[in-house]
Amino acid sequence: MCGRYAATKDPATLAAEFDALDAVSLDPVQDAVTDAATRERSAPPAPRIDYNVAPTKNVVTVVQRHPRDGDGNVDPDAVERSLRMMRWGLVPNWAKEKSIGAKMINARSESAATKPAFRTSLARRRCLIPADGWYEWRRDGKEKQPFYMTTPDGSSLAMAGLWSVWHDKEAPEDAPPLITCAVLTTEALGQLADIHNRMPMLMTSDQWAGWLDPDEENGAKLLAAPSMDLVESLELRPISALVNNVRNNGPELLERVDPNAEPVEQALFGGDSG
């Protein structure tokens, strides 16, 4: 967990929900995610409705950074929260190949502070990853029944995430860096433990500012078990095996089914390191 999720809200809606600037369609030269020496010169495509977000796709994240002026000077007295596009699957800055990101879609909260791939990001580059809900598969013998975990009121879930900046040493000097992210996971709580032993680290709105604080370098102290009130409020919806195939991408993936009424296929997803 987490290996697949749904994200169907447009950036304007997410910006209002997370009290953030919608920067996914702004001039990438003004991107506050990276510093003056590593600003993006091209941006990923704008997000689309996606009922089946899979690893290596470009996803919307929420970050909070000190803004810079036109000359690249940081304003230490101000912070700006914004939506940014990143590729799901964290590529550490020291990685030789970006393909390593497909294996780093998740980061275990229990070890993120000590793992070379994640410890720098935990200290300096934390984000939120909005989701309508996420998918998980409950194993029953040789079969896997997919479930969709979501909020009853339609509000977004805020999954705690980490991000990183990677430069391809074989690319031209002026080539844009690759901005990637990973979902932090933790031990499943309450009713979720009946489906899978892991879950995303969900954060309530009162935790967002602290988690995104660009001046807080002790990220480990911000790691906390998700709110049990939030966990117990989630709807755990059995859905069809259509979600197993990443090529399937429509609202039918979210429809409730009777798990005893149809055969359940093997889930087809990969790269879960959480």
Protein backbone atom coordinates (compact mmCIF):
# COMPACT_ATOMS: atom_id res chain seq x y z
CA MET A 1 0.00 0.00 0.00
CA CYS A 2 -0.47 2.47 -1.59
CA GLY A 3 -0.32 1.15 -5.16
CA ARG A 4 -3.33 2.72 -6.84
CA TYR A 5 -5.73 5.59 -6.12
CA ALA A 6 -8.40 7.85 -7.65
CA ALA A 7 -8.01 11.58 -8.31
CA THR A 8 -10.91 13.19 -10.16
CA LYS A 9 -11.04 16.77 -8.85
CA ASP A 10 -9.89 19.68 -10.97
CA PRO A 11 -7.01 21.89 -9.73
CA ALA A 12 -9.30 24.81 -8.87
CA THR A 13 -11.33 22.60 -6.54
CA LEU A 14 -8.21 21.19 -4.90
CA ALA A 15 -6.68 24.65 -4.53
CA ALA A 16 -9.77 25.82 -2.62
CA GLU A 17 -9.88 22.67 -0.50
CA PHE A 18 -6.20 22.89 0.49
CA ASP A 19 -6.07 26.70 0.65
CA ALA A 20 -3.34 26.68 -1.98
CA LEU A 21 -2.34 28.49 -5.15
CA ASP A 22 -3.15 26.56 -8.31
CA ALA A 23 0.31 26.53 -9.88
CA VAL A 24 -0.02 23.47 -12.09
CA SER A 25 -0.68 25.61 -15.16
CA LEU A 26 1.55 28.59 -14.34
CA ASP A 27 4.82 29.43 -16.06
CA PRO A 28 7.16 26.69 -14.74
CA VAL A 29 10.04 29.17 -14.53
CA GLN A 30 8.23 30.56 -11.49
CA ASP A 31 8.08 27.12 -9.88
CA ALA A 32 8.82 27.48 -6.17
CA VAL A 33 9.31 23.75 -5.67
CA THR A 34 12.96 23.89 -6.72
CA ASP A 35 15.66 26.42 -5.96
CA ALA A 36 17.02 29.07 -8.31
CA ALA A 37 19.62 26.74 -9.80
CA THR A 38 17.21 23.91 -10.53
CA ARG A 39 13.95 25.51 -11.62
CA GLU A 40 11.89 23.59 -14.12
CA ARG A 41 11.92 24.88 -17.68
CA SER A 42 9.07 22.63 -18.79
CA ALA A 43 6.12 21.25 -16.87
CA PRO A 44 4.24 17.94 -16.88
CA PRO A 45 0.85 17.96 -18.58
CA ALA A 46 -2.02 19.41 -16.60
CA PRO A 47 -3.87 16.78 -14.54
CA ARG A 48 -6.84 14.94 -15.95
CA ILE A 49 -9.63 13.06 -14.24
CA ASP A 50 -8.04 9.76 -13.28
CA TYR A 51 -9.96 6.93 -11.67
CA ASN A 52 -6.93 4.64 -11.74
CA VAL A 53 -3.79 6.55 -10.81
CA ALA A 54 -0.83 4.20 -11.15
CA PRO A 55 2.91 4.48 -10.42
CA THR A 56 4.99 6.72 -12.74
CA LYS A 57 1.98 8.87 -13.64
CA ASN A 58 2.13 12.63 -13.09
CA VAL A 59 0.07 13.55 -10.03
CA VAL A 60 -1.03 16.68 -8.19
CA THR A 61 0.72 17.42 -4.90
CA VAL A 62 0.58 20.22 -2.33
CA VAL A 63 3.80 21.90 -1.20
CA GLN A 64 4.65 24.94 0.90
CA ARG A 65 7.83 26.92 0.17
CA HIS A 66 9.35 30.35 0.67
CA PRO A 67 8.58 32.37 -2.47
CA ARG A 68 11.32 33.83 -4.65
CA ASP A 69 11.44 37.08 -6.53
CA GLY A 70 12.34 37.45 -10.19
CA ASP A 71 16.05 37.24 -9.38
CA GLY A 72 15.68 34.03 -7.41
CA ASN A 73 16.03 35.61 -3.97
CA VAL A 74 14.13 33.86 -1.18
CA ASP A 75 11.72 35.75 1.06
CA PRO A 76 12.31 34.04 4.44
CA ASP A 77 9.39 35.85 6.06
CA ALA A 78 6.73 34.52 3.70
CA VAL A 79 5.46 31.09 2.73
CA GLU A 80 3.37 30.04 -0.23
CA ARG A 81 1.28 26.88 -0.43
CA SER A 82 0.70 25.64 -3.94
CA LEU A 83 -0.36 22.73 -6.11
CA ARG A 84 2.46 21.16 -8.12
CA MET A 85 2.73 18.31 -10.58
CA MET A 86 5.16 15.49 -9.78
CA ARG A 87 5.78 12.00 -11.06
CA TRP A 88 4.71 9.24 -8.67
CA GLY A 89 7.75 7.15 -7.77
CA LEU A 90 10.53 8.93 -5.89
CA VAL A 91 13.92 9.15 -7.58
CA PRO A 92 16.61 10.14 -5.02
CA ASN A 93 18.99 12.87 -6.17
CA TRP A 94 21.89 10.41 -6.07
CA ALA A 95 20.22 7.78 -8.27
CA LYS A 96 21.99 6.84 -11.50
CA GLU A 97 18.76 5.98 -13.33
CA LYS A 98 15.26 7.39 -12.99
CA SER A 99 13.81 3.89 -13.39
CA ILE A 100 14.44 3.33 -9.68
CA GLY A 101 11.36 5.45 -9.02
CA ALA A 102 9.01 2.65 -10.08
CA LYS A 103 10.15 0.76 -6.96
CA MET A 104 9.80 3.74 -4.63
CA ILE A 105 6.17 4.72 -4.85
CA ASN A 106 5.83 4.24 -1.08
CA ALA A 107 8.03 5.09 1.89
CA ARG A 108 7.53 3.32 5.21
CA SER A 109 7.03 5.90 7.94
CA GLU A 110 8.80 3.66 10.42
CA SER A 111 12.09 3.80 8.52
CA ALA A 112 11.91 6.92 6.32
CA ALA A 113 14.15 8.93 8.67
CA THR A 114 17.03 6.46 8.25
CA LYS A 115 16.65 5.18 4.69
CA PRO A 116 19.10 6.91 2.30
CA ALA A 117 16.39 7.19 -0.36
CA PHE A 118 13.99 9.10 1.90
CA ARG A 119 15.75 10.74 4.85
CA THR A 120 16.68 13.97 3.05
CA SER A 121 13.16 14.36 1.69
CA LEU A 122 11.66 13.76 5.13
CA ALA A 123 13.81 16.55 6.52
CA ARG A 124 13.39 19.08 3.72
CA ARG A 125 10.84 18.07 1.10
CA ARG A 126 7.48 17.01 2.41
CA CYS A 127 4.20 17.27 0.53
CA LEU A 128 0.57 16.21 0.59
CA ILE A 129 -0.92 14.05 -2.15
CA PRO A 130 -4.68 14.60 -2.54
CA ALA A 131 -6.86 11.60 -3.39
CA ASP A 132 -10.57 10.90 -3.67
CA GLY A 133 -9.75 7.50 -2.24
CA TRP A 134 -7.34 4.61 -2.66
CA TYR A 135 -7.59 0.99 -3.69
CA GLU A 136 -6.49 -2.07 -1.79
CA TRP A 137 -6.85 -5.79 -2.29
CA ARG A 138 -7.91 -8.28 0.39
CA ARG A 139 -6.50 -11.71 -0.17
CA ASP A 140 -8.78 -14.71 0.30
CA GLY A 141 -6.81 -17.79 -0.57
CA LYS A 142 -5.68 -17.40 -4.16
CA GLU A 143 -8.18 -14.63 -4.88
CA LYS A 144 -7.95 -10.89 -4.23
CA GLN A 145 -11.02 -8.77 -3.67
CA PRO A 146 -10.46 -5.08 -4.48
CA PHE A 147 -11.80 -2.39 -2.17
CA TYR A 148 -12.07 1.36 -2.54
CA MET A 149 -11.43 3.40 0.60
CA THR A 150 -13.00 6.85 0.51
CA THR A 151 -14.72 9.55 2.56
CA PRO A 152 -18.53 9.45 2.78
CA ASP A 153 -18.83 13.20 2.19
CA GLY A 154 -16.62 13.37 -0.91
CA SER A 155 -13.87 15.44 0.71
CA SER A 156 -10.32 14.73 -0.37
CA LEU A 157 -7.96 12.54 1.58
CA ALA A 158 -4.55 14.09 2.23
CA MET A 159 -1.85 11.43 1.98
CA ALA A 160 1.47 12.46 3.50
CA GLY A 161 4.20 12.39 0.89
CA LEU A 162 7.86 13.08 0.21
CA TRP A 163 9.40 14.59 -2.92
CA SER A 164 12.77 14.83 -4.57
CA VAL A 165 14.62 16.58 -7.41
CA TRP A 166 16.70 14.48 -9.83
CA HIS A 167 19.02 15.60 -12.62
CA ASP A 168 19.94 13.35 -15.50
CA LYS A 169 23.72 13.65 -15.81
CA GLU A 170 23.50 12.49 -19.41
CA ALA A 171 21.02 15.21 -20.38
CA PRO A 172 21.93 18.71 -21.62
CA GLU A 173 22.91 21.14 -18.89
CA ASP A 174 19.77 23.21 -19.35
CA ALA A 175 17.43 20.19 -19.24
CA PRO A 176 14.71 20.45 -16.57
CA PRO A 177 15.03 18.29 -13.45
CA LEU A 178 12.64 15.44 -12.73
CA ILE A 179 10.40 16.12 -9.71
CA THR A 180 9.09 12.93 -8.11
CA CYS A 181 7.17 11.89 -5.00
CA ALA A 182 6.29 8.94 -2.79
CA VAL A 183 3.38 8.19 -0.45
CA LEU A 184 4.23 7.59 3.19
CA THR A 185 2.60 4.47 4.59
CA THR A 186 1.99 3.14 8.07
CA GLU A 187 0.49 0.12 9.80
CA ALA A 188 -3.19 -0.25 9.00
CA LEU A 189 -5.59 0.74 11.76
CA GLY A 190 -9.09 -0.31 12.75
CA GLN A 191 -11.31 -1.70 10.03
CA LEU A 192 -8.60 -1.19 7.39
CA ALA A 193 -6.46 -3.92 8.96
CA ASP A 194 -9.06 -6.45 7.83
CA ILE A 195 -8.20 -5.64 4.22
CA HIS A 196 -4.45 -5.02 4.21
CA ASN A 197 -1.69 -4.58 6.78
CA ARG A 198 -0.60 -1.18 5.41
CA MET A 199 -2.34 2.12 4.71
CA PRO A 200 -1.32 5.61 3.58
CA MET A 201 -0.42 8.06 6.32
CA LEU A 202 -3.52 10.24 6.20
CA MET A 203 -3.34 13.75 7.61
CA THR A 204 -6.19 15.88 8.88
CA SER A 205 -6.34 19.59 8.03
CA ASP A 206 -4.94 20.63 11.41
CA GLN A 207 -1.71 18.77 10.55
CA TRP A 208 -1.15 20.24 7.10
CA ALA A 209 0.68 23.44 8.07
CA GLY A 210 3.12 21.64 10.36
CA TRP A 211 3.82 18.90 7.84
CA LEU A 212 4.43 21.36 5.01
CA ASP A 213 6.47 23.85 7.07
CA PRO A 214 9.63 24.50 4.98
CA ASP A 215 11.59 25.58 8.07
CA GLU A 216 10.97 22.39 10.05
CA GLU A 217 13.83 19.97 9.36
CA ASN A 218 12.87 17.38 11.97
CA GLY A 219 10.31 15.62 9.82
CA ALA A 220 10.46 12.50 11.96
CA LYS A 221 8.70 14.29 14.83
CA LEU A 222 5.79 15.07 12.53
CA LEU A 223 5.08 11.41 11.79
CA ALA A 224 1.99 10.25 13.65
CA ALA A 225 -0.58 7.51 13.31
CA PRO A 226 -3.65 8.62 11.34
CA SER A 227 -6.64 9.81 13.33
CA MET A 228 -8.81 6.89 14.41
CA ASP A 229 -11.87 9.11 13.96
CA LEU A 230 -10.89 9.56 10.31
CA VAL A 231 -10.09 5.88 9.83
CA GLU A 232 -13.38 4.73 11.32
CA SER A 233 -15.33 7.23 9.21
CA LEU A 234 -14.03 5.83 5.91
CA GLU A 235 -16.22 3.83 3.59
CA LEU A 236 -14.64 0.51 2.62
CA ARG A 237 -16.38 -0.31 -0.63
CA PRO A 238 -15.98 -3.65 -2.43
CA ILE A 239 -15.57 -3.02 -6.14
CA SER A 240 -15.12 -5.07 -9.29
CA ALA A 241 -11.87 -6.52 -10.60
CA LEU A 242 -11.93 -3.96 -13.43
CA VAL A 243 -9.56 -1.86 -11.33
CA ASN A 244 -6.90 -4.57 -11.63
CA ASN A 245 -6.09 -3.41 -15.16
CA VAL A 246 -4.59 0.09 -15.35
CA ARG A 247 -6.10 0.54 -18.82
CA ASN A 248 -9.55 0.64 -17.22
CA ASN A 249 -10.21 4.21 -16.16
CA GLY A 250 -13.79 5.30 -15.61
CA PRO A 251 -16.38 5.90 -12.87
CA GLU A 252 -17.47 2.25 -13.10
CA LEU A 253 -14.32 1.40 -11.12
CA LEU A 254 -15.88 3.02 -8.05
CA GLU A 255 -19.19 1.19 -8.19
CA ARG A 256 -20.03 -1.05 -5.26
CA VAL A 257 -20.40 -4.76 -6.02
CA ASP A 258 -21.42 -7.83 -4.10
CA PRO A 259 -18.06 -9.57 -3.56
CA ASN A 260 -19.83 -12.93 -3.56
CA ALA A 261 -21.58 -12.35 -6.87
CA GLU A 262 -18.66 -12.43 -9.29
CA PRO A 263 -15.31 -14.18 -9.58
CA VAL A 264 -12.38 -12.14 -8.39
CA GLU A 265 -9.31 -11.93 -10.61
CA GLN A 266 -5.76 -11.59 -9.45
CA ALA A 267 -4.79 -7.94 -8.87
CA LEU A 268 -2.23 -6.65 -11.30
CA PHE A 269 -0.16 -3.86 -9.80
CA GLY A 270 3.46 -3.45 -8.85
CA GLY A 271 6.17 -1.40 -7.25
CA ASP A 272 4.76 -1.20 -3.71
CA SER A 273 7.65 -0.56 -1.33
CA GLY A 274 5.41 0.58 1.54
